[in-house]
Amino acid sequence: MRTIQKKIRFEYLTEIISGRKNFDVRKDDFDVDVGDVLVLSEYIEGFGFTGLKIQRIIIHITRTKDVYPDNDGFVIMGFNEKL
């Protein structure tokens, strides 16, 4: 189990906090597996990190290159509500 740290904009972070969004889509340029902890930290362009962050356990992964081999490669990570 690894800890994956990613920055996220406020409007997407609030959707996750509210429970309306339980997945994230990212460029598939990092190692991630089911069971890893995803730490999403709010980031404001021109300011930096705000200190607001959440943690979720990844429970599902779909890689677009597995479905569409000619695709550049994105990873769709489904996660639980809270760590």
Protein backbone atom coordinates (compact mmCIF):
# COMPACT_ATOMS: atom_id res chain seq x y z
CA MET A 1 0.00 0.00 0.00
CA ARG A 2 1.40 3.32 -1.11
CA THR A 3 0.36 6.89 -0.46
CA ILE A 4 -0.29 8.84 -3.66
CA GLN A 5 -0.33 12.63 -3.32
CA LYS A 6 -2.05 14.76 -5.95
CA LYS A 7 -3.16 18.35 -6.11
CA ILE A 8 -6.78 19.21 -6.89
CA ARG A 9 -8.82 22.33 -7.57
CA PHE A 10 -11.39 23.45 -4.99
CA GLU A 11 -14.47 22.82 -7.15
CA TYR A 12 -13.50 19.17 -7.66
CA LEU A 13 -12.47 18.68 -4.06
CA THR A 14 -15.84 19.91 -2.77
CA GLU A 15 -17.62 17.40 -5.02
CA ILE A 16 -15.62 14.60 -3.40
CA ILE A 17 -16.16 15.94 0.13
CA SER A 18 -19.92 16.18 -0.48
CA GLY A 19 -20.00 12.55 -1.68
CA ARG A 20 -21.25 13.43 -5.17
CA LYS A 21 -17.96 12.35 -6.76
CA ASN A 22 -16.24 9.06 -5.84
CA PHE A 23 -13.63 8.84 -8.60
CA ASP A 24 -10.77 10.81 -10.11
CA VAL A 25 -9.29 10.77 -13.61
CA ARG A 26 -5.58 11.45 -14.08
CA LYS A 27 -2.90 11.04 -16.70
CA ASP A 28 -1.53 7.52 -16.20
CA ASP A 29 2.01 8.64 -15.43
CA PHE A 30 2.36 7.27 -11.88
CA ASP A 31 2.14 3.89 -10.16
CA VAL A 32 -1.19 3.25 -8.45
CA ASP A 33 -2.91 0.07 -7.30
CA VAL A 34 -6.11 -0.91 -5.53
CA GLY A 35 -5.57 -0.42 -1.79
CA ASP A 36 -3.32 2.62 -2.18
CA VAL A 37 -4.21 5.78 -0.25
CA LEU A 38 -4.98 8.80 -2.42
CA VAL A 39 -4.28 12.14 -0.74
CA LEU A 40 -5.88 15.05 -2.58
CA SER A 41 -4.61 18.50 -1.56
CA GLU A 42 -6.35 21.70 -2.58
CA TYR A 43 -4.19 23.81 -4.86
CA ILE A 44 -4.88 27.34 -6.08
CA GLU A 45 -3.00 28.48 -9.18
CA GLY A 46 -0.78 31.46 -8.36
CA PHE A 47 -1.08 30.79 -4.60
CA GLY A 48 -0.15 27.19 -3.98
CA PHE A 49 -1.42 24.61 -1.50
CA THR A 50 -4.07 25.81 0.95
CA GLY A 51 -3.67 23.07 3.55
CA LEU A 52 -7.09 21.50 2.85
CA LYS A 53 -6.66 17.81 2.05
CA ILE A 54 -8.58 14.57 2.12
CA GLN A 55 -7.59 10.91 2.02
CA ARG A 56 -9.37 8.08 0.26
CA ILE A 57 -8.57 4.39 -0.29
CA ILE A 58 -8.57 3.36 -3.94
CA ILE A 59 -11.02 0.50 -4.49
CA HIS A 60 -11.12 0.32 -8.31
CA ILE A 61 -8.82 1.20 -11.20
CA THR A 62 -9.51 1.37 -14.93
CA ARG A 63 -6.71 2.30 -17.31
CA THR A 64 -7.88 3.67 -20.66
CA LYS A 65 -4.94 2.08 -22.48
CA ASP A 66 -6.33 -1.33 -21.46
CA VAL A 67 -9.65 -0.48 -23.15
CA TYR A 68 -8.37 1.71 -26.00
CA PRO A 69 -4.80 0.66 -26.86
CA ASP A 70 -4.18 3.74 -29.05
CA ASN A 71 -5.13 6.08 -26.18
CA ASP A 72 -2.45 8.26 -24.52
CA GLY A 73 -3.35 6.69 -21.20
CA PHE A 74 -5.48 7.91 -18.36
CA VAL A 75 -6.30 6.18 -15.11
CA ILE A 76 -9.76 6.30 -13.55
CA MET A 77 -9.57 5.68 -9.81
CA GLY A 78 -12.67 4.83 -7.80
CA PHE A 79 -12.41 5.33 -4.07
CA ASN A 80 -14.34 4.92 -0.86
CA GLU A 81 -16.00 7.80 0.96
CA LYS A 82 -13.44 8.16 3.75
CA LEU A 83 -10.22 6.61 4.98
